[in-house]
Amino acid sequence: MSLTNQLVIAEREEVARGIRALLATPLIGERGAPETFDLIRRRREPIRQWFDYYCGWTLTVEPRLGYARLVKVRAAADPSRPARRLRSGRAAFDRRRYVLLCVAAAELLTVPVTTIGLLADRVARASGADDLVTTFDVASRAERLAFVDVLALLESFGVLETADGDAESFVDDPAAKVLFRVDATLLLRMLAAPVGPSQLAVPADDVALRFEELLEAVSHEQRYGLSSGRHEDTPSASDVQRNLWLRHTVFRRLVDDPVLYFAELTAEERAYLGSPTGRQLLRRAAEQGGFVLEERAEGVLLVDVDGLSTDERFPDDGSNAKVAALLLLDVLDEPRTTDYLRNATAKLLKRFPRWAKTYRGKDGVRRLTVDALAVLTGFGLVRAEAELVRPLPAAARYTDRNEEAP
């Protein structure tokens, strides 16, 4: 093999790795992942072109500032991918932490350097001046814990850098001395919305009632020529805009969701994906991204055998819920009631008495069943319909195996 061919192959492999790394972590900093950032920096043009062509997403790489940001725009609420606390258990952010995140981010925009005490005071004053937000209480340990969780998340993104001290000390001591450097440019890059929420000017009482409408509004992209999110409602949109919208809509779901079922697509999207052009682009995108393409009668799936592009793995013995989810698939050979699945979970706990100790107490069977079903639902393997759980076609990928003890 010639040196030129070797270099071409190496470039293709690096581009594919960069694509998959950004799908798992849309914000990659040089400090946190120097090797991955360097790869993306060197191969940024073909990586940027891949995301722009197939998904319509913008990739910004700032070599001097040391970060790469993929702006993944999609008008869909996804509760399966919350912000998480960077502690053992990685619990999802609750409403209070999201509120503190927004207030703290707003206050950090105006200061290049701050201390944890000064920032806490600013957040307390800002929240106290807003009738809709509960005032941040620095005297409460629970409040300080939530605040530190927010700061840890911002630090993991590279927005904050601890210059002196340890933010964790603030949980037990509100007088703790911690100094932060602030990257306001990167902070501005965090919001992945073409339209700023402040531009909507919607009364606060209307937000909950009009959530889906508002989500679509902040995600509106003018280049598709849409007025309402559907081309049938926008006859003035050109064929070029229509085809661009179809391509980006389909591929965004394909790379962002565990599995893409044809039944969940609109008639236009199914026709596009089933066309010769759609099939050709699907195979080309998979090859360039380093994916293995699985095509079945019910849908398509991009498999990353290296596991670079996924933020969650399945099967995985990293949690009791994931182990239980895999074992429950054995009894989900047909639609089952939740009562049936709770009985199956109880049998698992009895069969493996030294496993899943956190689910051994009161209500443990129900909690483990709920958590396992949440895993299966999140990976597109089952659909819950009231008290009935229905297996989806992709579940068949995990049922042909030998059962092992947890």
Protein backbone atom coordinates (compact mmCIF):
# COMPACT_ATOMS: atom_id res chain seq x y z
CA MET A 1 0.00 0.00 0.00
CA SER A 2 1.41 3.40 -0.98
CA LEU A 3 2.08 6.16 1.52
CA THR A 4 -0.62 8.30 -0.11
CA ASN A 5 -3.24 5.59 0.40
CA GLN A 6 -2.19 5.14 4.00
CA LEU A 7 -2.56 8.86 4.63
CA VAL A 8 -6.02 8.89 3.01
CA ILE A 9 -7.17 5.96 5.14
CA ALA A 10 -5.77 7.57 8.29
CA GLU A 11 -7.59 10.82 7.51
CA ARG A 12 -10.89 9.00 6.94
CA GLU A 13 -10.53 7.16 10.24
CA GLU A 14 -9.75 10.38 12.12
CA VAL A 15 -12.67 12.22 10.54
CA ALA A 16 -14.99 9.36 11.52
CA ARG A 17 -13.66 9.38 15.09
CA GLY A 18 -14.12 13.13 15.31
CA ILE A 19 -17.72 12.88 14.09
CA ARG A 20 -18.61 10.22 16.61
CA ALA A 21 -16.83 11.99 19.47
CA LEU A 22 -18.83 15.17 18.86
CA LEU A 23 -22.11 13.25 18.70
CA ALA A 24 -21.45 11.97 22.22
CA THR A 25 -19.99 15.24 23.55
CA PRO A 26 -21.05 18.29 21.52
CA LEU A 27 -18.74 20.56 23.54
CA ILE A 28 -15.14 19.35 23.67
CA GLY A 29 -12.44 21.41 25.39
CA GLU A 30 -8.70 21.18 25.03
CA ARG A 31 -8.20 21.06 28.80
CA GLY A 32 -10.56 18.14 29.34
CA ALA A 33 -9.83 16.07 26.22
CA PRO A 34 -6.59 17.28 24.60
CA GLU A 35 -6.15 14.37 22.17
CA THR A 36 -9.74 14.44 20.92
CA PHE A 37 -9.69 18.21 20.59
CA ASP A 38 -6.44 18.08 18.63
CA LEU A 39 -7.94 15.51 16.24
CA ILE A 40 -11.04 17.67 15.67
CA ARG A 41 -8.88 20.77 15.23
CA ARG A 42 -6.80 19.08 12.52
CA ARG A 43 -9.77 17.52 10.70
CA ARG A 44 -12.28 20.27 11.34
CA GLU A 45 -13.15 21.02 7.71
CA PRO A 46 -14.34 17.53 6.64
CA ILE A 47 -16.02 17.05 10.03
CA ARG A 48 -17.77 20.40 9.70
CA GLN A 49 -18.90 19.53 6.17
CA TRP A 50 -20.34 16.18 7.31
CA PHE A 51 -22.48 17.77 10.02
CA ASP A 52 -23.58 20.64 7.80
CA TYR A 53 -24.55 18.44 4.84
CA TYR A 54 -26.31 15.60 6.62
CA CYS A 55 -27.72 17.30 9.72
CA GLY A 56 -27.61 21.03 9.08
CA TRP A 57 -25.70 21.49 12.35
CA THR A 58 -22.97 24.08 12.83
CA LEU A 59 -19.55 23.09 14.15
CA THR A 60 -17.40 25.88 15.59
CA VAL A 61 -13.76 25.10 16.34
CA GLU A 62 -11.69 27.72 18.16
CA PRO A 63 -8.04 26.53 18.19
CA ARG A 64 -6.76 29.50 20.20
CA LEU A 65 -9.55 29.39 22.75
CA GLY A 66 -9.33 25.62 22.97
CA TYR A 67 -12.82 24.29 22.32
CA ALA A 68 -15.02 22.71 19.65
CA ARG A 69 -18.79 23.22 19.82
CA LEU A 70 -21.34 21.29 17.78
CA VAL A 71 -24.70 23.09 17.87
CA LYS A 72 -27.29 20.32 17.69
CA VAL A 73 -30.61 21.96 16.87
CA ARG A 74 -33.73 19.82 17.12
CA ALA A 75 -37.26 20.81 18.10
CA ALA A 76 -37.88 17.86 20.41
CA ALA A 77 -37.95 17.68 24.19
CA ASP A 78 -35.90 14.70 25.38
CA PRO A 79 -36.14 13.96 29.12
CA SER A 80 -33.77 10.99 28.71
CA ARG A 81 -30.75 13.30 28.36
CA PRO A 82 -30.81 15.68 31.33
CA ALA A 83 -27.92 17.62 32.80
CA ARG A 84 -26.42 15.44 35.53
CA ARG A 85 -24.74 16.05 38.86
CA LEU A 86 -21.06 15.15 38.70
CA ARG A 87 -21.24 12.98 41.80
CA SER A 88 -21.53 9.26 42.42
CA GLY A 89 -24.86 8.14 41.03
CA ARG A 90 -24.92 11.02 38.52
CA ALA A 91 -28.46 12.02 39.44
CA ALA A 92 -30.32 14.20 36.96
CA PHE A 93 -30.65 17.92 37.59
CA ASP A 94 -33.90 18.86 39.30
CA ARG A 95 -35.88 22.01 38.60
CA ARG A 96 -34.00 24.01 41.23
CA ARG A 97 -30.61 23.23 39.74
CA TYR A 98 -31.78 24.22 36.27
CA VAL A 99 -33.03 27.54 37.65
CA LEU A 100 -29.73 28.18 39.43
CA LEU A 101 -27.85 27.22 36.26
CA CYS A 102 -29.71 29.86 34.23
CA VAL A 103 -29.31 32.59 36.86
CA ALA A 104 -25.61 31.81 37.45
CA ALA A 105 -24.91 31.77 33.71
CA ALA A 106 -26.53 35.19 33.31
CA GLU A 107 -24.46 36.62 36.16
CA LEU A 108 -21.19 35.15 34.83
CA LEU A 109 -21.52 36.94 31.49
CA THR A 110 -20.26 40.23 32.91
CA VAL A 111 -17.23 39.13 34.95
CA PRO A 112 -13.92 37.63 33.76
CA VAL A 113 -12.96 36.61 37.30
CA THR A 114 -15.08 36.01 40.39
CA THR A 115 -15.11 34.25 43.73
CA ILE A 116 -17.70 31.69 44.74
CA GLY A 117 -18.95 34.00 47.49
CA LEU A 118 -19.39 36.99 45.17
CA LEU A 119 -21.17 34.83 42.59
CA ALA A 120 -23.46 33.36 45.25
CA ASP A 121 -24.36 36.90 46.40
CA ARG A 122 -25.10 37.98 42.83
CA VAL A 123 -27.30 34.92 42.26
CA ALA A 124 -29.14 35.62 45.54
CA ARG A 125 -29.80 39.24 44.55
CA ALA A 126 -30.86 38.36 40.99
CA SER A 127 -33.21 35.59 42.10
CA GLY A 128 -34.62 37.79 44.86
CA ALA A 129 -35.48 40.50 42.34
CA ASP A 130 -37.48 38.07 40.17
CA ASP A 131 -41.04 37.36 41.23
CA LEU A 132 -41.03 33.96 39.52
CA VAL A 133 -37.82 32.60 41.00
CA THR A 134 -37.33 31.46 44.58
CA THR A 135 -34.58 33.50 46.21
CA PHE A 136 -31.28 31.63 46.50
CA ASP A 137 -30.61 31.05 50.21
CA VAL A 138 -26.87 30.94 50.85
CA ALA A 139 -27.53 29.92 54.48
CA SER A 140 -29.14 26.64 53.37
CA ARG A 141 -26.78 23.69 52.91
CA ALA A 142 -29.15 22.08 50.38
CA GLU A 143 -29.10 25.29 48.35
CA ARG A 144 -25.30 25.48 48.50
CA LEU A 145 -25.07 21.84 47.37
CA ALA A 146 -27.30 22.58 44.38
CA PHE A 147 -25.22 25.68 43.59
CA VAL A 148 -21.97 23.71 43.68
CA ASP A 149 -23.49 21.08 41.37
CA VAL A 150 -24.21 23.88 38.90
CA LEU A 151 -20.66 25.22 39.15
CA ALA A 152 -19.20 21.74 38.67
CA LEU A 153 -21.23 21.33 35.48
CA LEU A 154 -20.05 24.71 34.15
CA GLU A 155 -16.49 23.77 35.02
CA SER A 156 -16.82 20.49 33.13
CA PHE A 157 -17.87 22.50 30.06
CA GLY A 158 -14.83 24.77 30.42
CA VAL A 159 -16.91 27.86 31.20
CA LEU A 160 -15.36 28.05 34.66
CA GLU A 161 -11.79 27.30 35.68
CA THR A 162 -10.86 27.05 39.34
CA ALA A 163 -7.83 29.26 39.89
CA ASP A 164 -7.65 28.73 43.64
CA GLY A 165 -9.55 26.70 46.23
CA ASP A 166 -12.13 23.91 45.92
CA ALA A 167 -15.79 24.64 45.13
CA GLU A 168 -16.87 21.55 47.08
CA SER A 169 -15.75 23.24 50.31
CA PHE A 170 -18.55 25.79 49.85
CA VAL A 171 -21.14 23.09 50.61
CA ASP A 172 -20.08 22.93 54.28
CA ASP A 173 -18.65 26.42 54.61
CA PRO A 174 -20.38 29.42 53.01
CA ALA A 175 -17.26 31.47 53.82
CA ALA A 176 -15.01 29.22 51.71
CA LYS A 177 -12.56 31.04 49.43
CA VAL A 178 -12.68 29.86 45.83
CA LEU A 179 -11.50 31.87 42.81
CA PHE A 180 -12.85 31.24 39.28
CA ARG A 181 -11.82 32.39 35.84
CA VAL A 182 -14.77 32.80 33.47
CA ASP A 183 -14.83 32.10 29.73
CA ALA A 184 -17.76 34.28 28.66
CA THR A 185 -17.28 33.44 24.97
CA LEU A 186 -17.72 29.76 25.62
CA LEU A 187 -20.65 30.49 27.92
CA LEU A 188 -22.44 32.17 25.01
CA ARG A 189 -21.83 29.09 22.87
CA MET A 190 -23.70 26.82 25.28
CA LEU A 191 -27.19 27.78 24.12
CA ALA A 192 -28.08 25.67 21.06
CA ALA A 193 -31.07 27.63 19.81
CA PRO A 194 -31.34 29.69 16.61
CA VAL A 195 -33.82 32.02 18.32
CA GLY A 196 -33.13 33.41 21.77
CA PRO A 197 -35.89 32.61 24.31
CA SER A 198 -35.99 36.26 25.34
CA GLN A 199 -37.18 37.18 21.82
CA LEU A 200 -40.46 35.30 22.27
CA ALA A 201 -41.84 37.72 24.89
CA VAL A 202 -44.33 35.20 26.28
CA PRO A 203 -46.00 35.74 29.68
CA ALA A 204 -44.56 33.37 32.25
CA ASP A 205 -47.97 31.86 32.99
CA ASP A 206 -48.28 30.77 29.34
CA VAL A 207 -45.00 28.86 29.11
CA ALA A 208 -46.26 25.56 30.52
CA LEU A 209 -49.42 25.69 28.41
CA ARG A 210 -47.55 26.46 25.17
CA PHE A 211 -44.33 24.50 25.75
CA GLU A 212 -44.29 22.54 22.47
CA GLU A 213 -45.12 25.68 20.49
CA LEU A 214 -42.38 27.66 22.21
CA LEU A 215 -39.84 24.86 21.76
CA GLU A 216 -40.54 24.92 18.04
CA ALA A 217 -40.26 28.70 18.02
CA VAL A 218 -36.77 28.82 19.59
CA SER A 219 -35.68 26.03 17.21
CA HIS A 220 -36.96 27.79 14.07
CA GLU A 221 -34.45 27.84 11.20
CA GLN A 222 -35.23 30.24 8.39
CA ARG A 223 -33.34 28.40 5.65
CA TYR A 224 -36.04 25.73 5.35
CA GLY A 225 -38.70 28.27 4.43
CA LEU A 226 -41.10 26.96 7.06
CA SER A 227 -43.69 29.03 8.86
CA SER A 228 -45.14 26.29 11.06
CA GLY A 229 -42.66 23.39 11.01
CA ARG A 230 -44.45 21.61 8.14
CA HIS A 231 -44.08 22.13 4.43
CA GLU A 232 -47.72 21.37 3.73
CA ASP A 233 -48.52 24.56 5.66
CA THR A 234 -45.91 26.56 3.74
CA PRO A 235 -46.67 26.26 0.00
CA SER A 236 -44.22 29.05 -0.82
CA ALA A 237 -41.23 26.90 0.22
CA SER A 238 -39.14 25.72 -2.73
CA ASP A 239 -38.31 22.12 -3.62
CA VAL A 240 -34.71 22.79 -2.64
CA GLN A 241 -35.80 23.92 0.83
CA ARG A 242 -38.16 20.98 1.14
CA ASN A 243 -35.47 18.41 0.27
CA LEU A 244 -32.97 20.10 2.59
CA TRP A 245 -35.49 20.01 5.43
CA LEU A 246 -36.26 16.33 4.80
CA ARG A 247 -32.59 15.34 4.71
CA HIS A 248 -31.68 17.20 7.87
CA THR A 249 -34.79 16.09 9.76
CA VAL A 250 -34.21 12.41 9.00
CA PHE A 251 -30.48 12.41 9.68
CA ARG A 252 -30.81 14.38 12.91
CA ARG A 253 -33.06 11.66 14.27
CA LEU A 254 -30.84 8.93 12.87
CA VAL A 255 -27.68 10.12 14.64
CA ASP A 256 -29.38 11.36 17.81
CA ASP A 257 -31.76 8.47 18.62
CA PRO A 258 -30.86 4.85 19.43
CA VAL A 259 -33.02 3.53 16.56
CA LEU A 260 -35.10 5.12 13.79
CA TYR A 261 -38.43 3.38 13.18
CA PHE A 262 -40.19 4.03 9.88
CA ALA A 263 -43.55 4.04 11.68
CA GLU A 264 -42.48 7.14 13.62
CA LEU A 265 -41.68 9.13 10.46
CA THR A 266 -44.08 11.18 8.40
CA ALA A 267 -45.08 9.93 4.96
CA GLU A 268 -42.72 12.49 3.38
CA GLU A 269 -39.80 11.39 5.55
CA ARG A 270 -40.39 7.71 4.81
CA ALA A 271 -40.58 8.42 1.07
CA TYR A 272 -37.34 10.40 1.21
CA LEU A 273 -35.45 7.73 3.16
CA GLY A 274 -36.81 4.99 0.87
CA SER A 275 -35.83 6.78 -2.33
CA PRO A 276 -32.64 5.85 -4.21
CA THR A 277 -31.11 9.18 -3.22
CA GLY A 278 -32.05 8.74 0.42
CA ARG A 279 -30.64 5.21 0.56
CA GLN A 280 -27.41 6.32 -1.12
CA LEU A 281 -26.95 9.18 1.33
CA LEU A 282 -27.72 6.90 4.25
CA ARG A 283 -25.00 4.44 3.29
CA ARG A 284 -22.51 7.21 2.51
CA ALA A 285 -23.14 8.98 5.83
CA ALA A 286 -22.66 5.71 7.73
CA GLU A 287 -19.40 4.96 5.94
CA GLN A 288 -17.97 8.45 6.43
CA GLY A 289 -18.98 8.48 10.10
CA GLY A 290 -17.49 5.06 10.83
CA PHE A 291 -20.85 3.42 11.57
CA VAL A 292 -22.19 0.00 10.69
CA LEU A 293 -25.59 0.44 9.07
CA GLU A 294 -28.35 -1.99 10.03
CA GLU A 295 -31.33 -1.89 7.69
CA ARG A 296 -34.48 -3.80 8.59
CA ALA A 297 -38.06 -3.77 7.46
CA GLU A 298 -39.09 -1.77 10.54
CA GLY A 299 -36.32 0.82 10.52
CA VAL A 300 -32.64 1.62 10.43
CA LEU A 301 -29.90 1.81 13.03
CA LEU A 302 -26.38 3.24 13.02
CA VAL A 303 -24.15 0.97 15.10
CA ASP A 304 -20.92 2.37 16.54
CA VAL A 305 -18.90 -0.74 17.33
CA ASP A 306 -16.32 1.38 19.19
CA GLY A 307 -18.96 3.04 21.36
CA LEU A 308 -17.55 6.53 20.77
CA SER A 309 -20.78 8.23 19.75
CA THR A 310 -23.06 7.20 22.58
CA ASP A 311 -23.54 8.86 25.94
CA GLU A 312 -25.27 5.75 27.32
CA ARG A 313 -24.48 2.08 26.67
CA PHE A 314 -26.72 -0.95 26.50
CA PRO A 315 -26.15 -3.75 27.40
CA ASP A 316 -24.08 -2.46 30.29
CA ASP A 317 -23.52 -3.73 33.82
CA GLY A 318 -22.88 -0.19 35.07
CA SER A 319 -26.20 -0.05 36.89
CA ASN A 320 -28.71 -2.47 38.37
CA ALA A 321 -31.44 -0.94 36.22
CA LYS A 322 -29.58 -1.77 33.00
CA VAL A 323 -28.92 -5.34 34.11
CA ALA A 324 -32.59 -5.76 35.05
CA ALA A 325 -33.62 -4.24 31.72
CA LEU A 326 -31.59 -6.79 29.80
CA LEU A 327 -33.02 -9.68 31.83
CA LEU A 328 -36.60 -8.42 31.48
CA LEU A 329 -36.23 -8.56 27.70
CA ASP A 330 -36.35 -12.36 28.05
CA VAL A 331 -39.98 -12.19 29.15
CA LEU A 332 -40.92 -9.44 26.73
CA ASP A 333 -41.35 -11.80 23.80
CA GLU A 334 -44.86 -10.36 23.53
CA PRO A 335 -46.78 -7.44 25.09
CA ARG A 336 -46.83 -7.77 28.89
CA THR A 337 -48.62 -5.96 31.65
CA THR A 338 -46.65 -3.98 34.22
CA ASP A 339 -47.93 -6.37 36.90
CA TYR A 340 -46.42 -9.27 34.96
CA LEU A 341 -43.09 -7.44 34.73
CA ARG A 342 -43.11 -6.59 38.43
CA ASN A 343 -43.55 -10.28 39.19
CA ALA A 344 -40.66 -11.06 36.85
CA THR A 345 -38.52 -8.49 38.67
CA ALA A 346 -39.43 -10.01 42.03
CA LYS A 347 -38.26 -13.39 40.75
CA LEU A 348 -34.95 -11.87 39.64
CA LEU A 349 -34.37 -10.37 43.08
CA LYS A 350 -35.16 -13.71 44.70
CA ARG A 351 -32.99 -15.63 42.25
CA PHE A 352 -29.97 -13.39 42.79
CA PRO A 353 -30.12 -12.51 46.53
CA ARG A 354 -26.76 -10.69 46.61
CA TRP A 355 -27.59 -8.41 43.69
CA ALA A 356 -29.34 -5.00 43.53
CA LYS A 357 -29.09 -4.30 47.27
CA THR A 358 -30.42 -0.75 46.87
CA TYR A 359 -33.72 -2.23 45.65
CA ARG A 360 -34.19 -4.64 48.55
CA GLY A 361 -36.19 -2.34 50.76
CA LYS A 362 -39.80 -1.27 50.73
CA ASP A 363 -41.18 -0.71 47.24
CA GLY A 364 -37.91 -2.01 45.76
CA VAL A 365 -39.55 -4.30 43.21
CA ARG A 366 -41.67 -1.51 41.79
CA ARG A 367 -38.76 0.94 41.68
CA LEU A 368 -36.46 -1.51 39.91
CA THR A 369 -39.18 -2.33 37.38
CA VAL A 370 -39.80 1.36 36.69
CA ASP A 371 -36.09 2.08 36.32
CA ALA A 372 -35.54 -0.92 34.03
CA LEU A 373 -38.47 0.07 31.81
CA ALA A 374 -37.09 3.62 31.63
CA VAL A 375 -33.85 2.15 30.27
CA LEU A 376 -35.68 0.04 27.68
CA THR A 377 -37.87 2.96 26.63
CA GLY A 378 -34.90 5.29 26.34
CA PHE A 379 -33.11 2.89 24.01
CA GLY A 380 -36.17 2.45 21.80
CA LEU A 381 -36.66 -1.20 22.75
CA VAL A 382 -40.15 -1.02 24.26
CA ARG A 383 -43.15 1.27 24.26
CA ALA A 384 -45.33 1.67 27.34
CA GLU A 385 -49.05 2.04 26.67
CA ALA A 386 -50.92 2.61 29.94
CA GLU A 387 -50.43 -0.67 31.85
CA LEU A 388 -49.15 -2.57 28.81
CA VAL A 389 -45.50 -2.75 27.71
CA ARG A 390 -44.98 -3.62 24.06
CA PRO A 391 -41.59 -4.80 22.72
CA LEU A 392 -40.31 -2.98 19.64
CA PRO A 393 -38.43 -4.64 16.76
CA ALA A 394 -34.96 -3.54 17.92
CA ALA A 395 -35.41 -5.59 21.11
CA ALA A 396 -34.74 -8.72 19.06
CA ARG A 397 -31.07 -7.69 18.86
CA TYR A 398 -30.63 -8.55 22.56
CA THR A 399 -32.74 -11.65 23.09
CA ASP A 400 -30.56 -14.21 21.31
CA ARG A 401 -28.02 -14.74 24.06
CA ASN A 402 -27.21 -16.93 27.03
CA GLU A 403 -28.54 -15.62 30.33
CA GLU A 404 -25.91 -14.98 33.00
CA ALA A 405 -26.19 -14.05 36.61
CA PRO A 406 -25.83 -10.34 37.44
